[in-house]
Amino acid sequence: MPSSPHVADDALPPLPTEPRPGRYRHHKGREYLVTGLARHSETLEPLVVYQALYGERGLWVRSEEHTSDLQSH
């Protein structure tokens, strides 16, 4: 897989420390399992990888900036 054109492989910025893997509840009441953090392959933006714990239990990614509405469960 080719590396990002924006930064050398050995110069990746550190990922945020939050949210940590575990169960979280959205302020609207739905529960999610955060499985880890990742980077966007082109922008290197930090992304949160999570699974819905309801319905079809889909696997999703969301900008780390947009996870402030999750509370540790």
N, C-alpha and C. Protein backbone atom coordinates (compact mmCIF):
# COMPACT_ATOMS: atom_id res chain seq x y z
N MET A 1 0.84 -1.17 0.00
CA MET A 1 0.00 0.00 0.00
C MET A 1 0.89 1.23 0.00
N PRO A 2 0.66 2.17 -0.88
CA PRO A 2 1.51 3.35 -0.94
C PRO A 2 1.32 4.23 0.29
N SER A 3 2.39 4.89 0.68
CA SER A 3 2.29 5.78 1.84
C SER A 3 1.66 7.10 1.43
N SER A 4 1.19 7.84 2.41
CA SER A 4 0.57 9.14 2.16
C SER A 4 1.60 10.10 1.58
N PRO A 5 1.22 10.91 0.61
CA PRO A 5 2.16 11.86 0.03
C PRO A 5 2.43 13.04 0.96
N HIS A 6 1.67 13.15 2.06
CA HIS A 6 1.78 14.32 2.93
C HIS A 6 2.89 14.23 3.96
N VAL A 7 3.29 13.01 4.32
CA VAL A 7 4.26 12.86 5.41
C VAL A 7 5.01 11.54 5.25
N ALA A 8 6.25 11.53 5.65
CA ALA A 8 7.05 10.30 5.57
C ALA A 8 6.51 9.29 6.58
N ASP A 9 6.69 7.99 6.30
CA ASP A 9 6.19 6.93 7.18
C ASP A 9 6.69 7.08 8.61
N ASP A 10 7.92 7.51 8.78
CA ASP A 10 8.49 7.59 10.13
C ASP A 10 8.13 8.90 10.83
N ALA A 11 7.34 9.76 10.20
CA ALA A 11 6.99 11.05 10.80
C ALA A 11 5.49 11.18 11.04
N LEU A 12 4.78 10.07 11.20
CA LEU A 12 3.34 10.15 11.44
C LEU A 12 3.07 10.85 12.76
N PRO A 13 2.10 11.75 12.80
CA PRO A 13 1.76 12.39 14.07
C PRO A 13 1.12 11.37 15.00
N PRO A 14 1.25 11.56 16.30
CA PRO A 14 0.65 10.60 17.23
C PRO A 14 -0.87 10.67 17.16
N LEU A 15 -1.51 9.53 17.40
CA LEU A 15 -2.97 9.50 17.49
C LEU A 15 -3.40 10.03 18.85
N PRO A 16 -4.60 10.58 18.95
CA PRO A 16 -5.10 11.04 20.25
C PRO A 16 -5.23 9.86 21.22
N THR A 17 -5.27 10.15 22.49
CA THR A 17 -5.40 9.09 23.49
C THR A 17 -6.86 8.80 23.83
N GLU A 18 -7.78 9.65 23.41
CA GLU A 18 -9.21 9.47 23.68
C GLU A 18 -9.99 9.54 22.38
N PRO A 19 -11.05 8.82 22.24
CA PRO A 19 -11.61 7.89 23.22
C PRO A 19 -10.85 6.58 23.22
N ARG A 20 -10.77 5.97 24.37
CA ARG A 20 -10.12 4.66 24.50
C ARG A 20 -11.11 3.57 24.08
N PRO A 21 -10.61 2.41 23.67
CA PRO A 21 -11.52 1.32 23.34
C PRO A 21 -12.43 0.98 24.53
N GLY A 22 -13.68 0.70 24.23
CA GLY A 22 -14.65 0.34 25.27
C GLY A 22 -16.06 0.72 24.86
N ARG A 23 -17.00 0.51 25.78
CA ARG A 23 -18.41 0.83 25.54
C ARG A 23 -18.69 2.28 25.85
N TYR A 24 -19.48 2.89 24.98
CA TYR A 24 -19.86 4.29 25.16
C TYR A 24 -21.35 4.42 24.88
N ARG A 25 -21.94 5.46 25.47
CA ARG A 25 -23.34 5.76 25.23
C ARG A 25 -23.42 7.16 24.62
N HIS A 26 -24.12 7.26 23.51
CA HIS A 26 -24.38 8.56 22.88
C HIS A 26 -25.36 9.31 23.76
N HIS A 27 -25.31 10.62 23.75
CA HIS A 27 -26.21 11.40 24.61
C HIS A 27 -27.69 11.14 24.29
N LYS A 28 -27.98 10.57 23.12
CA LYS A 28 -29.36 10.23 22.77
C LYS A 28 -29.75 8.83 23.24
N GLY A 29 -28.81 8.10 23.89
CA GLY A 29 -29.14 6.82 24.51
C GLY A 29 -28.62 5.57 23.83
N ARG A 30 -28.22 5.62 22.57
CA ARG A 30 -27.73 4.42 21.87
C ARG A 30 -26.32 4.07 22.35
N GLU A 31 -25.99 2.77 22.34
CA GLU A 31 -24.68 2.32 22.80
C GLU A 31 -23.80 1.91 21.63
N TYR A 32 -22.49 2.12 21.83
CA TYR A 32 -21.49 1.84 20.82
C TYR A 32 -20.27 1.21 21.46
N LEU A 33 -19.53 0.43 20.68
CA LEU A 33 -18.27 -0.14 21.12
C LEU A 33 -17.15 0.49 20.29
N VAL A 34 -16.33 1.31 20.93
CA VAL A 34 -15.16 1.88 20.25
C VAL A 34 -14.10 0.79 20.21
N THR A 35 -13.64 0.45 19.00
CA THR A 35 -12.65 -0.62 18.87
C THR A 35 -11.23 -0.11 18.70
N GLY A 36 -11.09 1.15 18.32
CA GLY A 36 -9.74 1.70 18.17
C GLY A 36 -9.73 3.01 17.41
N LEU A 37 -8.52 3.50 17.18
CA LEU A 37 -8.31 4.73 16.43
C LEU A 37 -7.54 4.40 15.16
N ALA A 38 -7.78 5.18 14.12
CA ALA A 38 -7.10 4.98 12.83
C ALA A 38 -6.83 6.35 12.22
N ARG A 39 -6.19 6.35 11.07
CA ARG A 39 -5.94 7.59 10.32
C ARG A 39 -6.58 7.48 8.94
N HIS A 40 -7.06 8.60 8.44
CA HIS A 40 -7.53 8.65 7.06
C HIS A 40 -6.31 8.45 6.17
N SER A 41 -6.44 7.63 5.14
CA SER A 41 -5.28 7.28 4.32
C SER A 41 -4.71 8.44 3.53
N GLU A 42 -5.49 9.47 3.26
CA GLU A 42 -4.97 10.60 2.47
C GLU A 42 -4.72 11.85 3.31
N THR A 43 -5.57 12.12 4.29
CA THR A 43 -5.43 13.36 5.06
C THR A 43 -4.73 13.16 6.40
N LEU A 44 -4.62 11.91 6.83
CA LEU A 44 -4.06 11.53 8.14
C LEU A 44 -4.93 11.99 9.31
N GLU A 45 -6.15 12.45 9.03
CA GLU A 45 -7.06 12.86 10.08
C GLU A 45 -7.33 11.69 11.02
N PRO A 46 -7.29 11.91 12.34
CA PRO A 46 -7.63 10.82 13.27
C PRO A 46 -9.09 10.43 13.14
N LEU A 47 -9.36 9.14 13.12
CA LEU A 47 -10.71 8.60 13.01
C LEU A 47 -10.94 7.60 14.12
N VAL A 48 -12.15 7.56 14.64
CA VAL A 48 -12.55 6.60 15.66
C VAL A 48 -13.28 5.46 14.95
N VAL A 49 -12.87 4.22 15.21
CA VAL A 49 -13.51 3.04 14.65
C VAL A 49 -14.45 2.50 15.72
N TYR A 50 -15.74 2.35 15.37
CA TYR A 50 -16.69 1.90 16.37
C TYR A 50 -17.78 1.04 15.75
N GLN A 51 -18.46 0.30 16.62
CA GLN A 51 -19.55 -0.58 16.18
C GLN A 51 -20.80 -0.20 16.95
N ALA A 52 -21.90 -0.07 16.24
CA ALA A 52 -23.19 0.16 16.88
C ALA A 52 -23.59 -1.11 17.63
N LEU A 53 -24.10 -0.97 18.84
CA LEU A 53 -24.55 -2.12 19.62
C LEU A 53 -26.08 -2.24 19.57
N TYR A 54 -26.63 -1.95 18.41
CA TYR A 54 -28.07 -2.05 18.17
C TYR A 54 -28.27 -2.30 16.68
N GLY A 55 -29.46 -2.69 16.31
CA GLY A 55 -29.78 -2.90 14.90
C GLY A 55 -28.85 -3.92 14.25
N GLU A 56 -28.34 -3.59 13.09
CA GLU A 56 -27.45 -4.50 12.35
C GLU A 56 -26.02 -4.49 12.87
N ARG A 57 -25.75 -3.67 13.89
CA ARG A 57 -24.44 -3.61 14.55
C ARG A 57 -23.32 -3.28 13.56
N GLY A 58 -23.57 -2.33 12.69
CA GLY A 58 -22.60 -1.96 11.67
C GLY A 58 -21.30 -1.42 12.25
N LEU A 59 -20.25 -1.52 11.47
CA LEU A 59 -18.94 -0.99 11.82
C LEU A 59 -18.76 0.33 11.10
N TRP A 60 -18.33 1.38 11.83
CA TRP A 60 -18.27 2.73 11.30
C TRP A 60 -16.97 3.42 11.69
N VAL A 61 -16.67 4.51 10.99
CA VAL A 61 -15.59 5.41 11.40
C VAL A 61 -16.16 6.82 11.48
N ARG A 62 -15.60 7.60 12.37
CA ARG A 62 -16.05 8.97 12.56
C ARG A 62 -14.85 9.82 12.96
N SER A 63 -14.88 11.06 12.54
CA SER A 63 -13.82 11.98 12.90
C SER A 63 -13.68 12.03 14.42
N GLU A 64 -12.46 12.01 14.89
CA GLU A 64 -12.20 12.06 16.33
C GLU A 64 -12.80 13.32 16.94
N GLU A 65 -12.84 14.39 16.18
CA GLU A 65 -13.41 15.65 16.66
C GLU A 65 -14.91 15.54 16.95
N HIS A 66 -15.58 14.59 16.32
CA HIS A 66 -17.03 14.47 16.45
C HIS A 66 -17.45 13.36 17.41
N THR A 67 -16.64 13.05 18.39
CA THR A 67 -16.99 12.01 19.35
C THR A 67 -17.20 12.57 20.75
N SER A 68 -17.25 13.87 20.89
CA SER A 68 -17.42 14.46 22.21
C SER A 68 -18.79 14.18 22.81
N ASP A 69 -19.75 13.71 21.98
CA ASP A 69 -21.09 13.42 22.49
C ASP A 69 -21.20 11.98 23.00
N LEU A 70 -20.08 11.26 23.09
CA LEU A 70 -20.08 9.90 23.65
C LEU A 70 -19.62 9.95 25.10
N GLN A 71 -20.30 9.18 25.95
CA GLN A 71 -19.93 9.09 27.35
C GLN A 71 -19.54 7.67 27.66
N SER A 72 -18.43 7.51 28.40
CA SER A 72 -17.97 6.18 28.78
C SER A 72 -19.06 5.45 29.55
N HIS A 73 -19.19 4.17 29.29
CA HIS A 73 -20.27 3.38 29.90
C HIS A 73 -19.70 2.38 30.86
